[in-house]
Amino acid sequence: LAQAPLFETSPALPRSSTMFLTVAAVLAQTTPSDWSRAQRLALADLGDRQTTGIQVAPQWHAKVHGLQGSGGYVSGYAGDLYYDSVNQRSKQSQVTPIKLFSDHDELQTETLTVNTSGLNVNITLGKGTDTVCKAIQEPYNDMFLWTKYAQPNGTLVVAGEACEVWALSVKTANLSTCVRSDGVPLLFNQSLAGYLKQTSMQFYNHTVGPAPESAFAPSDACAHHYPTTPCASEGKATLDVYRIHSAAEPRELHGRNVGDSLGDMAFVCAQGAEESYGNSLVSYWQVDVDAAFGQYGYCLYI
């Protein structure tokens, strides 16, 4: 896993500066880490509900076809999922066509999550040698932990295989999965309140049992190149950036995210402008920054 410490802003930029978001960086927010956080909130709503459901097979991996989105933007993707509840870890890779601004763009991500201390969630963006690591620390979430609280809800046949549907509904989420007789899921659906509203997955070409240890190795970007080496300095750059915020927020940029015009429009499209930003303001800033751009920093103002 990535070992560098967390930081508030890019080490290549003065503390008074801010780093703008590209379209790719915005869309990369839609990762398993996002719906994992939302799922933890759903589990917190369970109260004293009894564990009368099932537990899925503890170790397996499969190909995935998925669909996820929120507001006016929904995207399909293909990839792989490695699931290992025995060692409390998972790894999901996905390739997502991004057609907000071009019919030919795609986003490739890999998310490795391990129940350990430090930067236990490693998200790798890009492919080949053109990759960057986003490493964060957050509580571990088993994506199928909720099934032990689920209730049976009929049967289905998925790609010729019979499975039993198990579902859970709470205030913040509706979750369901269809599980084969050997405990392997064939479908997974999650509808959530908040940022990422819908996630659907179909699993196929399963392999039951532990995966090779190499399957859970961190990417080269996270293991050896985090944070990314800053660009060579080319003096000062002037950026036009925007921020969508509430009327109560102070008019300052320290410790806050901003976006360029395409970046913030991508956020608006991905989240659903009317629902997410109906009463918000948009402020425009022109900022001078050091052109030695470095690793994106997490400047999330709450």
Protein backbone atom coordinates (compact mmCIF):
# COMPACT_ATOMS: atom_id res chain seq x y z
CA LEU A 1 0.00 0.00 0.00
CA ALA A 2 1.03 3.60 -0.48
CA GLN A 3 3.11 4.81 2.45
CA ALA A 4 3.37 8.57 1.97
CA PRO A 5 1.58 10.74 4.56
CA LEU A 6 -1.67 12.47 3.75
CA PHE A 7 -1.45 16.15 2.95
CA GLU A 8 -3.93 18.97 2.54
CA THR A 9 -2.52 20.53 -0.61
CA SER A 10 -0.01 19.52 -3.24
CA PRO A 11 3.55 19.81 -1.86
CA ALA A 12 4.49 21.56 -5.09
CA LEU A 13 2.10 24.46 -4.43
CA PRO A 14 2.20 27.20 -1.82
CA ARG A 15 -0.33 26.72 0.97
CA SER A 16 -2.20 29.81 -0.16
CA SER A 17 -2.75 28.33 -3.63
CA THR A 18 -5.23 25.75 -4.80
CA MET A 19 -5.17 23.04 -7.41
CA PHE A 20 -7.83 22.81 -10.10
CA LEU A 21 -9.65 19.62 -11.02
CA THR A 22 -9.52 18.18 -14.50
CA VAL A 23 -12.48 16.27 -15.94
CA ALA A 24 -10.72 12.95 -15.29
CA ALA A 25 -10.07 13.82 -11.65
CA VAL A 26 -13.72 14.75 -11.15
CA LEU A 27 -15.09 11.56 -12.65
CA ALA A 28 -12.60 9.47 -10.75
CA GLN A 29 -14.53 10.34 -7.60
CA THR A 30 -17.06 7.71 -8.70
CA THR A 31 -15.24 4.67 -7.32
CA PRO A 32 -15.96 1.71 -5.02
CA SER A 33 -14.66 3.92 -2.23
CA ASP A 34 -17.61 6.29 -2.72
CA TRP A 35 -20.36 3.69 -2.47
CA SER A 36 -18.43 1.96 0.31
CA ARG A 37 -18.73 5.09 2.48
CA ALA A 38 -22.42 5.38 1.67
CA GLN A 39 -22.95 1.70 2.51
CA ARG A 40 -21.39 2.20 5.94
CA LEU A 41 -23.99 4.90 6.60
CA ALA A 42 -26.71 2.45 5.60
CA LEU A 43 -25.40 -0.15 8.07
CA ALA A 44 -25.49 2.48 10.79
CA ASP A 45 -29.27 2.73 10.22
CA LEU A 46 -29.88 -0.93 11.13
CA GLY A 47 -30.31 -0.36 14.83
CA ASP A 48 -30.98 -3.67 16.63
CA ARG A 49 -32.06 -5.58 13.51
CA GLN A 50 -31.35 -9.31 13.81
CA THR A 51 -28.78 -11.10 11.64
CA THR A 52 -31.17 -13.51 9.94
CA GLY A 53 -29.73 -13.29 6.42
CA ILE A 54 -26.84 -15.05 4.72
CA GLN A 55 -23.11 -14.73 4.26
CA VAL A 56 -21.70 -14.93 0.76
CA ALA A 57 -18.75 -17.15 -0.15
CA PRO A 58 -15.71 -15.78 1.70
CA GLN A 59 -13.21 -15.85 -1.19
CA TRP A 60 -13.85 -15.56 -4.94
CA HIS A 61 -13.15 -13.43 -7.96
CA ALA A 62 -15.12 -12.73 -11.11
CA LYS A 63 -15.53 -10.53 -14.16
CA VAL A 64 -17.96 -7.63 -13.70
CA HIS A 65 -20.35 -5.69 -15.90
CA GLY A 66 -21.62 -2.67 -14.00
CA LEU A 67 -23.75 0.43 -14.17
CA GLN A 68 -23.43 3.40 -11.82
CA GLY A 69 -24.52 6.97 -11.71
CA SER A 70 -26.32 9.85 -10.10
CA GLY A 71 -28.50 12.66 -11.30
CA GLY A 72 -28.31 13.04 -15.05
CA TYR A 73 -25.15 10.99 -15.61
CA VAL A 74 -25.08 7.19 -15.64
CA SER A 75 -22.16 5.15 -16.95
CA GLY A 76 -21.55 1.50 -17.66
CA TYR A 77 -18.23 -0.22 -17.05
CA ALA A 78 -16.46 -3.57 -17.27
CA GLY A 79 -13.81 -4.98 -14.98
CA ASP A 80 -12.83 -7.51 -12.32
CA LEU A 81 -13.60 -7.98 -8.64
CA TYR A 82 -11.44 -9.90 -6.15
CA TYR A 83 -13.27 -10.51 -2.87
CA ASP A 84 -11.54 -11.88 0.24
CA SER A 85 -13.47 -11.51 3.50
CA VAL A 86 -11.09 -13.95 5.24
CA ASN A 87 -8.22 -11.47 4.99
CA GLN A 88 -10.54 -8.44 4.91
CA ARG A 89 -9.55 -7.03 1.54
CA SER A 90 -10.92 -6.48 -1.94
CA LYS A 91 -9.72 -5.22 -5.28
CA GLN A 92 -11.85 -3.90 -8.13
CA SER A 93 -10.70 -2.73 -11.53
CA GLN A 94 -12.98 -1.04 -14.02
CA VAL A 95 -12.85 0.63 -17.43
CA THR A 96 -15.58 3.24 -17.86
CA PRO A 97 -16.40 5.03 -21.12
CA ILE A 98 -16.70 8.74 -20.38
CA LYS A 99 -18.88 10.49 -22.95
CA LEU A 100 -19.51 13.81 -21.28
CA PHE A 101 -17.14 15.61 -23.64
CA SER A 102 -16.02 13.00 -26.19
CA ASP A 103 -17.24 9.67 -27.54
CA HIS A 104 -13.75 8.20 -27.28
CA ASP A 105 -12.65 8.92 -23.71
CA GLU A 106 -12.47 6.25 -21.03
CA LEU A 107 -11.44 6.15 -17.42
CA GLN A 108 -9.50 3.19 -16.05
CA THR A 109 -9.39 2.72 -12.28
CA GLU A 110 -8.23 0.11 -9.79
CA THR A 111 -9.28 0.25 -6.14
CA LEU A 112 -7.46 -1.85 -3.53
CA THR A 113 -9.00 -1.82 -0.05
CA VAL A 114 -7.43 -3.56 2.96
CA ASN A 115 -8.42 -3.54 6.63
CA THR A 116 -5.18 -2.13 7.96
CA SER A 117 -3.78 1.09 9.35
CA GLY A 118 -2.38 3.91 7.26
CA LEU A 119 -3.41 4.63 3.67
CA ASN A 120 -5.55 1.52 3.33
CA VAL A 121 -7.49 2.54 0.20
CA ASN A 122 -5.33 2.84 -2.93
CA ILE A 123 -7.06 4.11 -6.08
CA THR A 124 -4.98 3.96 -9.25
CA LEU A 125 -6.07 6.07 -12.23
CA GLY A 126 -4.90 5.53 -15.80
CA LYS A 127 -3.17 2.64 -17.52
CA GLY A 128 0.31 1.48 -18.41
CA THR A 129 2.98 3.97 -17.43
CA ASP A 130 0.45 6.83 -17.40
CA THR A 131 -0.95 6.19 -13.91
CA VAL A 132 -1.36 8.13 -10.71
CA CYS A 133 -2.24 6.93 -7.20
CA LYS A 134 -4.89 8.44 -4.93
CA ALA A 135 -4.22 6.99 -1.48
CA ILE A 136 -6.62 7.65 1.39
CA GLN A 137 -7.39 6.31 4.86
CA GLU A 138 -10.92 5.30 5.78
CA PRO A 139 -12.69 2.59 7.79
CA TYR A 140 -12.76 -0.79 6.06
CA ASN A 141 -16.09 -1.85 4.59
CA ASP A 142 -16.96 -5.37 3.43
CA MET A 143 -19.29 -4.78 0.47
CA PHE A 144 -21.34 -7.88 1.39
CA LEU A 145 -21.43 -7.45 5.18
CA TRP A 146 -25.02 -6.19 4.95
CA THR A 147 -26.28 -9.56 3.61
CA LYS A 148 -26.41 -11.04 7.10
CA TYR A 149 -29.22 -8.57 7.84
CA ALA A 150 -31.05 -9.23 4.54
CA GLN A 151 -34.35 -11.00 3.93
CA PRO A 152 -35.12 -13.54 1.16
CA ASN A 153 -36.97 -11.98 -1.76
CA GLY A 154 -37.62 -14.65 -4.39
CA THR A 155 -35.45 -16.27 -7.03
CA LEU A 156 -33.97 -15.35 -10.41
CA VAL A 157 -32.15 -16.98 -13.28
CA VAL A 158 -29.10 -14.96 -14.34
CA ALA A 159 -27.27 -15.99 -17.50
CA GLY A 160 -28.73 -19.48 -17.13
CA GLU A 161 -27.85 -19.87 -13.43
CA ALA A 162 -30.42 -19.99 -10.63
CA CYS A 163 -29.93 -17.74 -7.63
CA GLU A 164 -31.82 -16.56 -4.54
CA VAL A 165 -32.50 -12.86 -4.06
CA TRP A 166 -31.68 -11.30 -0.69
CA ALA A 167 -32.67 -7.69 0.01
CA LEU A 168 -32.24 -5.04 2.68
CA SER A 169 -34.03 -1.70 2.90
CA VAL A 170 -33.12 1.02 5.39
CA LYS A 171 -33.65 4.78 5.55
CA THR A 172 -30.58 5.62 3.47
CA ALA A 173 -30.36 2.69 1.07
CA ASN A 174 -31.91 -0.27 -0.73
CA LEU A 175 -29.55 -3.17 -1.33
CA SER A 176 -30.02 -6.55 -2.97
CA THR A 177 -27.97 -9.45 -4.25
CA CYS A 178 -28.76 -12.73 -5.99
CA VAL A 179 -26.69 -15.59 -4.60
CA ARG A 180 -25.93 -18.95 -6.15
CA SER A 181 -26.26 -22.14 -4.09
CA ASP A 182 -22.51 -22.12 -3.39
CA GLY A 183 -22.73 -18.62 -1.87
CA VAL A 184 -21.34 -16.74 -4.87
CA PRO A 185 -23.23 -13.55 -5.88
CA LEU A 186 -24.40 -13.21 -9.47
CA LEU A 187 -25.96 -9.75 -9.06
CA PHE A 188 -25.49 -6.78 -6.76
CA ASN A 189 -27.70 -3.67 -6.64
CA GLN A 190 -27.44 -0.63 -4.42
CA SER A 191 -29.55 2.54 -4.43
CA LEU A 192 -28.40 5.24 -2.07
CA ALA A 193 -29.28 8.72 -0.93
CA GLY A 194 -26.47 11.14 -1.61
CA TYR A 195 -23.70 11.38 -4.16
CA LEU A 196 -23.70 8.01 -5.91
CA LYS A 197 -27.31 6.96 -6.19
CA GLN A 198 -27.26 3.74 -8.17
CA THR A 199 -24.78 0.89 -8.49
CA SER A 200 -25.58 -2.37 -10.28
CA MET A 201 -23.20 -5.24 -10.99
CA GLN A 202 -23.45 -8.58 -12.75
CA PHE A 203 -20.71 -11.07 -11.93
CA TYR A 204 -19.64 -13.85 -14.31
CA ASN A 205 -16.73 -16.22 -14.98
CA HIS A 206 -16.36 -16.86 -11.25
CA THR A 207 -13.44 -18.59 -9.59
CA VAL A 208 -14.28 -19.76 -6.07
CA GLY A 209 -11.50 -19.90 -3.48
CA PRO A 210 -8.52 -17.73 -2.59
CA ALA A 211 -6.93 -15.70 -5.38
CA PRO A 212 -3.15 -15.59 -5.86
CA GLU A 213 -1.48 -13.18 -3.46
CA SER A 214 -0.29 -11.16 -6.45
CA ALA A 215 -3.91 -10.24 -7.18
CA PHE A 216 -3.90 -8.00 -4.10
CA ALA A 217 -0.54 -6.36 -4.76
CA PRO A 218 -0.70 -2.55 -4.94
CA SER A 219 -0.09 -0.92 -8.29
CA ASP A 220 3.35 0.38 -9.15
CA ALA A 221 1.99 3.93 -8.90
CA CYS A 222 0.82 3.39 -5.32
CA ALA A 223 3.71 1.19 -4.19
CA HIS A 224 6.58 3.24 -5.62
CA HIS A 225 5.39 6.59 -7.00
CA TYR A 226 3.09 8.16 -4.42
CA PRO A 227 2.90 11.10 -4.30
CA THR A 228 3.61 11.70 -7.98
CA THR A 229 6.78 13.69 -8.64
CA PRO A 230 5.86 17.34 -9.33
CA CYS A 231 6.36 18.77 -12.80
CA ALA A 232 9.44 20.86 -13.40
CA SER A 233 8.76 24.46 -12.43
CA GLU A 234 7.99 26.78 -15.31
CA GLY A 235 7.31 29.87 -13.27
CA LYS A 236 3.85 31.16 -12.52
CA ALA A 237 0.52 30.12 -14.06
CA THR A 238 -2.78 32.01 -13.88
CA LEU A 239 -5.87 29.82 -13.59
CA ASP A 240 -9.58 30.58 -13.96
CA VAL A 241 -11.39 28.38 -11.43
CA TYR A 242 -14.88 28.00 -9.98
CA ARG A 243 -16.43 26.77 -6.78
CA ILE A 244 -20.04 25.70 -6.11
CA HIS A 245 -20.92 26.41 -2.48
CA SER A 246 -23.57 27.49 -0.02
CA ALA A 247 -24.30 31.14 0.74
CA ALA A 248 -22.94 30.63 4.27
CA GLU A 249 -19.47 29.58 3.16
CA PRO A 250 -16.69 32.16 3.67
CA ARG A 251 -15.30 33.61 0.43
CA GLU A 252 -11.85 32.08 0.65
CA LEU A 253 -10.05 29.16 -1.02
CA HIS A 254 -7.78 27.85 1.73
CA GLY A 255 -8.46 24.15 2.25
CA ARG A 256 -11.13 23.99 -0.47
CA ASN A 257 -11.56 22.25 -3.80
CA VAL A 258 -12.16 24.24 -6.95
CA GLY A 259 -12.55 23.21 -10.59
CA ASP A 260 -11.89 24.58 -14.02
CA SER A 261 -14.97 25.12 -16.19
CA LEU A 262 -15.06 21.56 -17.56
CA GLY A 263 -14.29 20.04 -14.18
CA ASP A 264 -17.13 21.75 -12.36
CA MET A 265 -19.55 21.10 -15.22
CA ALA A 266 -18.67 17.42 -14.92
CA PHE A 267 -19.59 17.54 -11.23
CA VAL A 268 -22.89 19.19 -12.09
CA CYS A 269 -23.71 16.57 -14.72
CA ALA A 270 -22.64 13.66 -12.52
CA GLN A 271 -24.60 14.70 -9.46
CA GLY A 272 -27.74 16.22 -10.94
CA ALA A 273 -27.64 20.00 -10.82
CA GLU A 274 -31.15 20.77 -9.63
CA GLU A 275 -31.19 18.24 -6.80
CA SER A 276 -27.61 18.72 -5.59
CA TYR A 277 -27.06 22.43 -6.19
CA GLY A 278 -30.52 24.03 -6.31
CA ASN A 279 -29.78 26.79 -3.76
CA SER A 280 -26.02 26.99 -4.21
CA LEU A 281 -23.85 29.83 -5.43
CA VAL A 282 -21.05 29.71 -7.99
CA SER A 283 -18.01 31.87 -7.34
CA TYR A 284 -15.32 32.60 -9.91
CA TRP A 285 -11.67 33.03 -8.95
CA GLN A 286 -8.53 33.91 -10.86
CA VAL A 287 -5.49 32.59 -9.00
CA ASP A 288 -1.74 32.70 -9.56
CA VAL A 289 0.02 29.43 -8.77
CA ASP A 290 3.42 27.81 -9.07
CA ALA A 291 3.44 25.90 -12.37
CA ALA A 292 5.27 22.95 -10.77
CA PHE A 293 2.01 21.03 -10.47
CA GLY A 294 2.08 18.00 -8.24
CA GLN A 295 -0.14 15.31 -6.72
CA TYR A 296 -3.79 16.26 -6.17
CA GLY A 297 -4.49 17.09 -2.53
CA TYR A 298 -7.71 16.37 -0.61
CA CYS A 299 -9.09 19.78 0.31
CA LEU A 300 -12.65 18.88 1.27
CA TYR A 301 -14.38 21.76 3.03
CA ILE A 302 -17.37 20.63 5.09
